């Protein structure tokens, strides 16, 4: 979905959105892509460790995508500026997810 969103932004929205809002939209698509790839890391880590913290990381990434990228898409496309207040919550979810991944990987390395 992030590839489609990015292509839509690059081709269809360039003529519609002003440059600052296009940058907001592009940030949403970029972070959605990063964390979609992060979900592959989660799946691999879960397969290797069976640590429930890896699953929590996956849910945190999903929440982050909805809150961070979703709020930025709404700000850029609908102009509902107050939705930007949700963006930091999504960012915090992303950070918490990466902390869960790092902790799980660190613990797996120590247990071997």
N, C-alpha and C. Protein backbone atom coordinates (compact mmCIF):
# COMPACT_ATOMS: atom_id res chain seq x y z
N UNK A 1 0.82 -1.20 0.00
CA UNK A 1 0.00 0.00 0.00
C UNK A 1 0.86 1.25 0.00
N UNK A 2 2.01 1.19 0.68
CA UNK A 2 2.86 2.38 0.73
C UNK A 2 3.46 2.69 -0.64
N UNK A 3 3.74 1.65 -1.43
CA UNK A 3 4.25 1.89 -2.79
C UNK A 3 3.17 2.58 -3.63
N UNK A 4 1.95 2.12 -3.52
CA UNK A 4 0.85 2.75 -4.25
C UNK A 4 0.63 4.18 -3.77
N UNK A 5 0.70 4.39 -2.46
CA UNK A 5 0.53 5.75 -1.93
C UNK A 5 1.64 6.66 -2.42
N UNK A 6 2.87 6.15 -2.43
CA UNK A 6 3.99 6.95 -2.92
C UNK A 6 3.86 7.30 -4.39
N UNK A 7 3.45 6.33 -5.18
CA UNK A 7 3.26 6.58 -6.61
C UNK A 7 2.13 7.58 -6.84
N UNK A 8 1.05 7.43 -6.08
CA UNK A 8 -0.07 8.36 -6.18
C UNK A 8 0.39 9.78 -5.84
N UNK A 9 1.18 9.89 -4.78
CA UNK A 9 1.69 11.20 -4.40
C UNK A 9 2.61 11.80 -5.44
N UNK A 10 3.49 10.97 -5.99
CA UNK A 10 4.47 11.46 -6.95
C UNK A 10 3.83 11.86 -8.27
N UNK A 11 2.75 11.19 -8.65
CA UNK A 11 2.17 11.45 -9.97
C UNK A 11 0.88 12.25 -9.92
N UNK A 12 -0.05 11.86 -9.10
CA UNK A 12 -1.37 12.49 -9.10
C UNK A 12 -1.45 13.73 -8.22
N UNK A 13 -0.70 13.73 -7.13
CA UNK A 13 -0.86 14.83 -6.17
C UNK A 13 0.06 16.02 -6.41
N UNK A 14 1.08 15.85 -7.24
CA UNK A 14 2.01 16.97 -7.48
C UNK A 14 1.30 18.20 -8.00
N UNK A 15 0.29 18.00 -8.81
CA UNK A 15 -0.44 19.13 -9.39
C UNK A 15 -1.53 19.65 -8.46
N UNK A 16 -1.85 18.89 -7.42
CA UNK A 16 -2.97 19.25 -6.55
C UNK A 16 -2.51 19.87 -5.23
N UNK A 17 -1.51 19.26 -4.59
CA UNK A 17 -1.06 19.73 -3.27
C UNK A 17 0.05 20.76 -3.41
N UNK A 18 0.07 21.70 -2.46
CA UNK A 18 1.19 22.63 -2.43
C UNK A 18 2.42 21.90 -1.88
N UNK A 19 3.62 22.42 -2.13
CA UNK A 19 4.84 21.70 -1.73
C UNK A 19 4.91 21.29 -0.25
N UNK A 20 4.51 22.13 0.71
CA UNK A 20 4.57 21.67 2.11
C UNK A 20 3.64 20.47 2.38
N UNK A 21 2.45 20.48 1.82
CA UNK A 21 1.52 19.36 2.05
C UNK A 21 1.97 18.12 1.28
N UNK A 22 2.60 18.30 0.12
CA UNK A 22 3.15 17.16 -0.60
C UNK A 22 4.27 16.52 0.21
N UNK A 23 5.07 17.35 0.88
CA UNK A 23 6.14 16.82 1.75
C UNK A 23 5.55 16.05 2.93
N UNK A 24 4.45 16.51 3.49
CA UNK A 24 3.77 15.80 4.57
C UNK A 24 3.29 14.44 4.07
N UNK A 25 2.68 14.44 2.90
CA UNK A 25 2.18 13.20 2.30
C UNK A 25 3.33 12.23 2.05
N UNK A 26 4.43 12.73 1.50
CA UNK A 26 5.59 11.88 1.22
C UNK A 26 6.20 11.31 2.50
N UNK A 27 6.20 12.08 3.57
CA UNK A 27 6.68 11.58 4.86
C UNK A 27 5.81 10.43 5.34
N UNK A 28 4.50 10.56 5.19
CA UNK A 28 3.58 9.49 5.59
C UNK A 28 3.87 8.21 4.81
N UNK A 29 4.04 8.33 3.50
CA UNK A 29 4.30 7.15 2.67
C UNK A 29 5.65 6.52 3.00
N UNK A 30 6.65 7.36 3.24
CA UNK A 30 8.00 6.85 3.55
C UNK A 30 8.00 6.07 4.87
N UNK A 31 7.40 6.63 5.90
CA UNK A 31 7.38 5.94 7.20
C UNK A 31 6.50 4.70 7.16
N UNK A 32 5.45 4.73 6.35
CA UNK A 32 4.64 3.52 6.19
C UNK A 32 5.49 2.42 5.56
N UNK A 33 6.30 2.77 4.56
CA UNK A 33 7.16 1.77 3.91
C UNK A 33 8.21 1.24 4.88
N UNK A 34 8.87 2.13 5.62
CA UNK A 34 9.90 1.68 6.57
C UNK A 34 9.32 0.64 7.54
N UNK A 35 8.13 0.93 8.03
CA UNK A 35 7.58 0.07 9.07
C UNK A 35 6.88 -1.16 8.50
N UNK A 36 6.47 -1.11 7.24
CA UNK A 36 6.02 -2.33 6.58
C UNK A 36 7.21 -3.29 6.45
N UNK A 37 8.38 -2.75 6.11
CA UNK A 37 9.59 -3.58 6.07
C UNK A 37 9.96 -4.04 7.48
N UNK A 38 9.75 -3.18 8.46
CA UNK A 38 9.99 -3.56 9.85
C UNK A 38 9.15 -4.75 10.27
N UNK A 39 7.96 -4.89 9.69
CA UNK A 39 7.11 -6.04 10.01
C UNK A 39 7.74 -7.35 9.52
N UNK A 40 8.54 -7.28 8.47
CA UNK A 40 9.29 -8.47 8.05
C UNK A 40 10.34 -8.83 9.09
N UNK A 41 10.96 -7.82 9.67
CA UNK A 41 11.93 -8.06 10.74
C UNK A 41 11.21 -8.71 11.92
N UNK A 42 10.05 -8.20 12.25
CA UNK A 42 9.26 -8.77 13.34
C UNK A 42 8.96 -10.25 13.08
N UNK A 43 8.51 -10.55 11.86
CA UNK A 43 8.17 -11.94 11.53
C UNK A 43 9.39 -12.85 11.65
N UNK A 44 10.52 -12.39 11.15
CA UNK A 44 11.74 -13.18 11.23
C UNK A 44 12.16 -13.39 12.69
N UNK A 45 12.11 -12.30 13.47
CA UNK A 45 12.52 -12.38 14.87
C UNK A 45 11.59 -13.31 15.65
N UNK A 46 10.31 -13.26 15.36
CA UNK A 46 9.36 -14.16 16.03
C UNK A 46 9.68 -15.61 15.68
N UNK A 47 9.95 -15.87 14.40
CA UNK A 47 10.27 -17.23 13.97
C UNK A 47 11.52 -17.76 14.67
N UNK A 48 12.49 -16.87 14.85
CA UNK A 48 13.76 -17.28 15.46
C UNK A 48 13.70 -17.40 16.98
N UNK A 49 12.91 -16.55 17.63
CA UNK A 49 12.96 -16.49 19.09
C UNK A 49 11.69 -16.95 19.79
N UNK A 50 10.57 -16.86 19.13
CA UNK A 50 9.26 -17.12 19.75
C UNK A 50 9.02 -16.23 20.97
N UNK A 51 9.66 -15.07 20.98
CA UNK A 51 9.52 -14.12 22.07
C UNK A 51 8.28 -13.26 21.80
N UNK A 52 7.39 -13.20 22.76
CA UNK A 52 6.14 -12.44 22.58
C UNK A 52 6.39 -10.95 22.40
N UNK A 53 7.55 -10.48 22.81
CA UNK A 53 7.88 -9.06 22.62
C UNK A 53 7.98 -8.72 21.13
N UNK A 54 8.36 -9.68 20.32
CA UNK A 54 8.41 -9.46 18.87
C UNK A 54 7.00 -9.21 18.33
N UNK A 55 6.03 -9.95 18.84
CA UNK A 55 4.64 -9.75 18.42
C UNK A 55 4.16 -8.37 18.86
N UNK A 56 4.53 -7.96 20.06
CA UNK A 56 4.16 -6.62 20.53
C UNK A 56 4.75 -5.56 19.61
N UNK A 57 5.99 -5.78 19.15
CA UNK A 57 6.61 -4.84 18.21
C UNK A 57 5.78 -4.73 16.94
N UNK A 58 5.29 -5.86 16.46
CA UNK A 58 4.46 -5.83 15.26
C UNK A 58 3.18 -5.03 15.45
N UNK A 59 2.54 -5.22 16.59
CA UNK A 59 1.33 -4.45 16.87
C UNK A 59 1.64 -2.96 17.04
N UNK A 60 2.77 -2.67 17.65
CA UNK A 60 3.17 -1.26 17.79
C UNK A 60 3.44 -0.63 16.43
N UNK A 61 4.06 -1.38 15.52
CA UNK A 61 4.28 -0.86 14.17
C UNK A 61 2.96 -0.62 13.45
N UNK A 62 2.01 -1.54 13.60
CA UNK A 62 0.70 -1.36 12.97
C UNK A 62 -0.01 -0.13 13.53
N UNK A 63 0.04 0.03 14.84
CA UNK A 63 -0.57 1.22 15.46
C UNK A 63 0.14 2.48 14.99
N UNK A 64 1.47 2.41 14.90
CA UNK A 64 2.23 3.56 14.44
C UNK A 64 1.89 3.94 13.01
N UNK A 65 1.73 2.94 12.15
CA UNK A 65 1.36 3.23 10.76
C UNK A 65 0.01 3.92 10.72
N UNK A 66 -0.95 3.40 11.48
CA UNK A 66 -2.28 4.02 11.48
C UNK A 66 -2.24 5.44 12.04
N UNK A 67 -1.57 5.61 13.18
CA UNK A 67 -1.56 6.91 13.83
C UNK A 67 -0.64 7.91 13.14
N UNK A 68 0.59 7.51 12.85
CA UNK A 68 1.57 8.42 12.26
C UNK A 68 1.23 8.69 10.79
N UNK A 69 1.30 7.64 9.98
CA UNK A 69 1.07 7.84 8.55
C UNK A 69 -0.38 8.24 8.29
N UNK A 70 -1.31 7.57 8.97
CA UNK A 70 -2.72 7.89 8.76
C UNK A 70 -3.05 9.34 9.05
N UNK A 71 -2.54 9.85 10.17
CA UNK A 71 -2.83 11.25 10.50
C UNK A 71 -2.20 12.21 9.50
N UNK A 72 -1.00 11.88 9.03
CA UNK A 72 -0.36 12.74 8.04
C UNK A 72 -1.08 12.70 6.70
N UNK A 73 -1.57 11.52 6.30
CA UNK A 73 -2.36 11.44 5.07
C UNK A 73 -3.61 12.32 5.18
N UNK A 74 -4.26 12.28 6.32
CA UNK A 74 -5.47 13.08 6.52
C UNK A 74 -5.14 14.57 6.51
N UNK A 75 -4.06 14.95 7.17
CA UNK A 75 -3.65 16.36 7.17
C UNK A 75 -3.39 16.83 5.74
N UNK A 76 -2.63 16.03 4.99
CA UNK A 76 -2.26 16.44 3.64
C UNK A 76 -3.44 16.44 2.67
N UNK A 77 -4.25 15.41 2.74
CA UNK A 77 -5.32 15.26 1.74
C UNK A 77 -6.61 15.98 2.10
N UNK A 78 -6.96 15.99 3.38
CA UNK A 78 -8.23 16.59 3.79
C UNK A 78 -8.06 17.96 4.43
N UNK A 79 -6.83 18.29 4.78
CA UNK A 79 -6.58 19.58 5.41
C UNK A 79 -7.08 19.68 6.84
N UNK A 80 -7.31 18.55 7.49
CA UNK A 80 -7.79 18.54 8.87
C UNK A 80 -6.55 18.61 9.77
N UNK A 81 -6.14 19.81 10.09
CA UNK A 81 -4.86 20.03 10.77
C UNK A 81 -4.80 19.43 12.17
N UNK A 82 -5.91 19.39 12.88
CA UNK A 82 -5.87 18.88 14.26
C UNK A 82 -5.51 17.40 14.30
N UNK A 83 -5.65 16.69 13.18
CA UNK A 83 -5.25 15.28 13.14
C UNK A 83 -3.75 15.12 13.33
N UNK A 84 -3.00 16.19 13.08
CA UNK A 84 -1.56 16.17 13.31
C UNK A 84 -1.21 15.93 14.77
N UNK A 85 -2.17 16.13 15.66
CA UNK A 85 -1.92 15.87 17.09
C UNK A 85 -1.73 14.37 17.35
N UNK A 86 -2.21 13.52 16.45
CA UNK A 86 -2.04 12.08 16.61
C UNK A 86 -0.67 11.59 16.13
N UNK A 87 -0.02 12.39 15.31
CA UNK A 87 1.25 11.98 14.71
C UNK A 87 2.29 11.60 15.75
N UNK A 88 2.50 12.38 16.81
CA UNK A 88 3.51 11.98 17.81
C UNK A 88 3.18 10.66 18.51
N UNK A 89 1.90 10.35 18.65
CA UNK A 89 1.53 9.06 19.25
C UNK A 89 1.98 7.92 18.35
N UNK A 90 1.83 8.11 17.05
CA UNK A 90 2.31 7.11 16.11
C UNK A 90 3.82 7.00 16.14
N UNK A 91 4.50 8.14 16.25
CA UNK A 91 5.96 8.12 16.36
C UNK A 91 6.41 7.39 17.61
N UNK A 92 5.71 7.62 18.70
CA UNK A 92 6.05 6.91 19.94
C UNK A 92 5.83 5.40 19.79
N UNK A 93 4.79 5.02 19.06
CA UNK A 93 4.54 3.60 18.80
C UNK A 93 5.68 3.00 17.98
N UNK A 94 6.14 3.73 16.98
CA UNK A 94 7.28 3.26 16.18
C UNK A 94 8.50 3.05 17.06
N UNK A 95 8.81 4.04 17.88
CA UNK A 95 9.99 3.95 18.75
C UNK A 95 9.87 2.77 19.71
N UNK A 96 8.70 2.62 20.31
CA UNK A 96 8.48 1.50 21.23
C UNK A 96 8.64 0.17 20.51
N UNK A 97 8.16 0.08 19.29
CA UNK A 97 8.31 -1.14 18.51
C UNK A 97 9.76 -1.47 18.24
N UNK A 98 10.57 -0.46 17.89
CA UNK A 98 11.99 -0.71 17.64
C UNK A 98 12.71 -1.09 18.93
N UNK A 99 12.29 -0.52 20.03
CA UNK A 99 12.88 -0.91 21.32
C UNK A 99 12.56 -2.38 21.61
N UNK A 100 11.33 -2.79 21.34
CA UNK A 100 10.95 -4.20 21.54
C UNK A 100 11.80 -5.12 20.66
N UNK A 101 12.03 -4.72 19.43
CA UNK A 101 12.86 -5.52 18.52
C UNK A 101 14.29 -5.60 19.04
N UNK A 102 14.84 -4.46 19.43
CA UNK A 102 16.22 -4.44 19.92
C UNK A 102 16.35 -5.30 21.18
N UNK A 103 15.41 -5.19 22.08
CA UNK A 103 15.46 -5.97 23.31
C UNK A 103 15.37 -7.47 23.01
N UNK A 104 14.45 -7.83 22.12
CA UNK A 104 14.30 -9.25 21.75
C UNK A 104 15.57 -9.78 21.11
N UNK A 105 16.16 -9.02 20.21
CA UNK A 105 17.39 -9.45 19.54
C UNK A 105 18.54 -9.54 20.54
N UNK A 106 18.62 -8.60 21.44
CA UNK A 106 19.69 -8.61 22.45
C UNK A 106 19.55 -9.83 23.35
N UNK A 107 18.32 -10.09 23.78
CA UNK A 107 18.09 -11.26 24.65
C UNK A 107 18.40 -12.56 23.90
N UNK A 108 18.05 -12.63 22.63
CA UNK A 108 18.32 -13.83 21.85
C UNK A 108 19.82 -14.07 21.73
N UNK A 109 20.57 -12.99 21.56
CA UNK A 109 22.03 -13.12 21.47
C UNK A 109 22.65 -13.58 22.77
N UNK A 110 22.09 -13.16 23.88
CA UNK A 110 22.61 -13.54 25.20
C UNK A 110 22.26 -14.99 25.56
N UNK A 111 21.12 -15.45 25.05
CA UNK A 111 20.64 -16.80 25.41
C UNK A 111 21.36 -17.91 24.65
N UNK A 112 22.11 -17.55 23.63
CA UNK A 112 22.79 -18.59 22.83
C UNK A 112 24.10 -18.99 23.41
